[in-house]
C-alpha atoms as a PDB file:
ATOM      1  CA  UNK A   1      45.819  -8.976 -52.894  1.00  0.00           C
ATOM      2  CA  UNK A   2      43.845 -11.710 -54.550  1.00  0.00           C
ATOM      3  CA  UNK A   3      41.229 -10.980 -57.130  1.00  0.00           C
ATOM      4  CA  UNK A   4      38.416 -12.782 -55.351  1.00  0.00           C
ATOM      5  CA  UNK A   5      35.871 -10.796 -53.343  1.00  0.00           C
ATOM      6  CA  UNK A   6      36.403 -10.666 -49.661  1.00  0.00           C
ATOM      7  CA  UNK A   7      33.456 -11.978 -47.582  1.00  0.00           C
ATOM      8  CA  UNK A   8      33.111 -12.275 -43.822  1.00  0.00           C
ATOM      9  CA  UNK A   9      35.104 -10.724 -40.995  1.00  0.00           C
ATOM     10  CA  UNK A  10      38.651 -11.249 -39.869  1.00  0.00           C
ATOM     11  CA  UNK A  11      39.473 -12.561 -36.429  1.00  0.00           C
ATOM     12  CA  UNK A  12      40.737  -9.157 -35.305  1.00  0.00           C
ATOM     13  CA  UNK A  13      37.507  -7.439 -36.358  1.00  0.00           C
ATOM     14  CA  UNK A  14      35.481  -9.994 -34.390  1.00  0.00           C
ATOM     15  CA  UNK A  15      37.684  -9.554 -31.304  1.00  0.00           C
ATOM     16  CA  UNK A  16      37.297  -5.761 -31.448  1.00  0.00           C
ATOM     17  CA  UNK A  17      33.495  -6.051 -31.635  1.00  0.00           C
ATOM     18  CA  UNK A  18      33.424  -8.544 -28.742  1.00  0.00           C
ATOM     19  CA  UNK A  19      35.646  -6.231 -26.658  1.00  0.00           C
ATOM     20  CA  UNK A  20      33.328  -3.267 -27.313  1.00  0.00           C
ATOM     21  CA  UNK A  21      30.244  -5.297 -26.369  1.00  0.00           C
ATOM     22  CA  UNK A  22      31.942  -6.567 -23.192  1.00  0.00           C
ATOM     23  CA  UNK A  23      32.924  -3.023 -22.196  1.00  0.00           C
ATOM     24  CA  UNK A  24      29.389  -1.744 -22.713  1.00  0.00           C
ATOM     25  CA  UNK A  25      27.958  -4.656 -20.734  1.00  0.00           C
ATOM     26  CA  UNK A  26      30.336  -4.013 -17.827  1.00  0.00           C
ATOM     27  CA  UNK A  27      29.289  -0.350 -17.692  1.00  0.00           C
ATOM     28  CA  UNK A  28      25.528  -0.721 -18.252  1.00  0.00           C
ATOM     29  CA  UNK A  29      24.926  -4.037 -16.439  1.00  0.00           C
ATOM     30  CA  UNK A  30      25.473  -2.892 -12.841  1.00  0.00           C
ATOM     31  CA  UNK A  31      23.327   0.190 -13.391  1.00  0.00           C
ATOM     32  CA  UNK A  32      20.409  -1.959 -14.541  1.00  0.00           C
ATOM     33  CA  UNK A  33      20.714  -4.802 -12.035  1.00  0.00           C
ATOM     34  CA  UNK A  34      21.522  -2.501  -9.102  1.00  0.00           C
ATOM     35  CA  UNK A  35      17.926  -1.279  -9.131  1.00  0.00           C
ATOM     36  CA  UNK A  36      16.467  -4.775  -8.692  1.00  0.00           C
ATOM     37  CA  UNK A  37      17.341  -4.950  -4.983  1.00  0.00           C
ATOM     38  CA  UNK A  38      16.008  -1.454  -4.403  1.00  0.00           C
ATOM     39  CA  UNK A  39      12.741  -2.362  -6.120  1.00  0.00           C
ATOM     40  CA  UNK A  40      12.300  -5.386  -3.831  1.00  0.00           C
ATOM     41  CA  UNK A  41      12.786  -3.215  -0.742  1.00  0.00           C
ATOM     42  CA  UNK A  42      10.273  -0.664  -2.046  1.00  0.00           C
ATOM     43  CA  UNK A  43       7.740  -3.418  -2.774  1.00  0.00           C
ATOM     44  CA  UNK A  44       8.153  -4.843   0.752  1.00  0.00           C
ATOM     45  CA  UNK A  45       7.626  -1.398   2.294  1.00  0.00           C
ATOM     46  CA  UNK A  46       4.493  -0.884   0.210  1.00  0.00           C
ATOM     47  CA  UNK A  47       3.124  -4.256   1.272  1.00  0.00           C
ATOM     48  CA  UNK A  48       3.704  -3.422   4.940  1.00  0.00           C
ATOM     49  CA  UNK A  49       1.841  -0.130   4.491  1.00  0.00           C
ATOM     50  CA  UNK A  50      -1.090  -2.007   2.932  1.00  0.00           C
ATOM     51  CA  UNK A  51      -1.182  -4.360   5.948  1.00  0.00           C
ATOM     52  CA  UNK A  52      -1.080  -1.378   8.315  1.00  0.00           C
ATOM     53  CA  UNK A  53      -4.008   0.276   6.521  1.00  0.00           C
ATOM     54  CA  UNK A  54      -6.017  -2.963   6.564  1.00  0.00           C
ATOM     55  CA  UNK A  55      -5.329  -3.449  10.277  1.00  0.00           C
ATOM     56  CA  UNK A  56      -6.348   0.134  11.037  1.00  0.00           C
ATOM     57  CA  UNK A  57      -9.593  -0.297   9.086  1.00  0.00           C
ATOM     58  CA  UNK A  58     -10.305  -3.516  10.991  1.00  0.00           C
ATOM     59  CA  UNK A  59      -9.657  -1.752  14.302  1.00  0.00           C
ATOM     60  CA  UNK A  60     -11.950   1.146  13.381  1.00  0.00           C
ATOM     61  CA  UNK A  61     -14.792  -1.260  12.592  1.00  0.00           C
ATOM     62  CA  UNK A  62     -14.220  -3.764  15.404  1.00  0.00           C
ATOM     63  CA  UNK A  63     -12.734  -1.534  18.145  1.00  0.00           C
ATOM     64  CA  UNK A  64      -9.722  -3.882  18.424  1.00  0.00           C
ATOM     65  CA  UNK A  65      -7.022  -5.451  16.311  1.00  0.00           C
ATOM     66  CA  UNK A  66      -7.333  -9.162  15.452  1.00  0.00           C
ATOM     67  CA  UNK A  67      -6.124 -11.388  18.249  1.00  0.00           C
ATOM     68  CA  UNK A  68      -3.138 -13.666  17.842  1.00  0.00           C
ATOM     69  CA  UNK A  69      -5.557 -16.587  17.721  1.00  0.00           C
ATOM     70  CA  UNK A  70      -7.471 -14.959  14.833  1.00  0.00           C
ATOM     71  CA  UNK A  71      -4.311 -13.964  12.988  1.00  0.00           C
ATOM     72  CA  UNK A  72      -4.078 -11.934   9.800  1.00  0.00           C
ATOM     73  CA  UNK A  73      -6.668 -14.172   8.156  1.00  0.00           C
ATOM     74  CA  UNK A  74      -9.217 -12.051  10.019  1.00  0.00           C
ATOM     75  CA  UNK A  75      -8.491  -9.369   7.425  1.00  0.00           C
ATOM     76  CA  UNK A  76      -9.820 -11.642   4.645  1.00  0.00           C
ATOM     77  CA  UNK A  77     -12.723 -13.490   6.239  1.00  0.00           C
ATOM     78  CA  UNK A  78     -14.893 -13.163   9.331  1.00  0.00           C
ATOM     79  CA  UNK A  79     -12.881 -14.695  12.168  1.00  0.00           C
ATOM     80  CA  UNK A  80     -14.577 -17.553  13.958  1.00  0.00           C
ATOM     81  CA  UNK A  81     -11.820 -18.133  16.519  1.00  0.00           C
ATOM     82  CA  UNK A  82     -11.567 -16.159  19.739  1.00  0.00           C
ATOM     83  CA  UNK A  83     -14.079 -13.544  20.809  1.00  0.00           C
ATOM     84  CA  UNK A  84     -16.890 -12.729  18.379  1.00  0.00           C
ATOM     85  CA  UNK A  85     -16.160  -9.694  16.219  1.00  0.00           C
ATOM     86  CA  UNK A  86     -18.742  -6.912  16.048  1.00  0.00           C
ATOM     87  CA  UNK A  87     -19.148  -4.773  12.952  1.00  0.00           C
ATOM     88  CA  UNK A  88     -16.814  -6.792  10.724  1.00  0.00           C
ATOM     89  CA  UNK A  89     -17.120  -5.093   7.321  1.00  0.00           C
ATOM     90  CA  UNK A  90     -14.372  -6.900   5.451  1.00  0.00           C
ATOM     91  CA  UNK A  91     -12.624  -8.217   3.591  1.00  0.00           C
ATOM     92  CA  UNK A  92      -9.957  -5.653   4.330  1.00  0.00           C
ATOM     93  CA  UNK A  93      -7.423  -7.250   1.985  1.00  0.00           C
ATOM     94  CA  UNK A  94      -8.093  -8.349  -1.584  1.00  0.00           C
ATOM     95  CA  UNK A  95      -5.420 -11.038  -1.759  1.00  0.00           C
ATOM     96  CA  UNK A  96      -4.457 -13.740   0.740  1.00  0.00           C
ATOM     97  CA  UNK A  97      -1.788 -12.938   3.287  1.00  0.00           C
ATOM     98  CA  UNK A  98       1.503 -14.639   2.307  1.00  0.00           C
ATOM     99  CA  UNK A  99       2.585 -17.361   4.704  1.00  0.00           C
ATOM    100  CA  UNK A 100       6.124 -15.999   4.892  1.00  0.00           C
ATOM    101  CA  UNK A 101       7.932 -12.844   3.999  1.00  0.00           C
ATOM    102  CA  UNK A 102      11.269 -12.749   2.218  1.00  0.00           C
ATOM    103  CA  UNK A 103      13.337  -9.796   3.338  1.00  0.00           C
ATOM    104  CA  UNK A 104      15.956  -8.802   0.747  1.00  0.00           C
ATOM    105  CA  UNK A 105      19.473  -9.026   2.117  1.00  0.00           C
ATOM    106  CA  UNK A 106      18.491 -11.201   5.092  1.00  0.00           C
ATOM    107  CA  UNK A 107      20.155 -14.572   5.401  1.00  0.00           C
END
C-alpha cells in the first residue's frame, strides 16, 4: 500500500451505491406514482358532485334545471337565453365551468 492518503471512492463503491439507489427507486417509485391516477379520478368525482349540488340548488330556486340553450353558464350568471328564469339566486358555482373534461384513462 502506498504511503499517500486515500481520497475519493473506488469504481466498485460507486457502482454499489448506484445499485442500492436504483433498487430503492424501483420499489418506492411505483407506490408513489400509482396514487397519481387515483387522485385524478377522485378529483373528477368531486367536481361532478359539486356540479350536481349546484344544479340541484338552481332547480330548487328556479323550479327547473337550466335548458340546453342556457347551458351550465346559467350556474354562474343570470341566463338571458331561453325562457326567463324566476328566483335566480346565483351564482351557484364560484369558478367558471371548464370547457372540456379530461377523463383519466380515456383515449
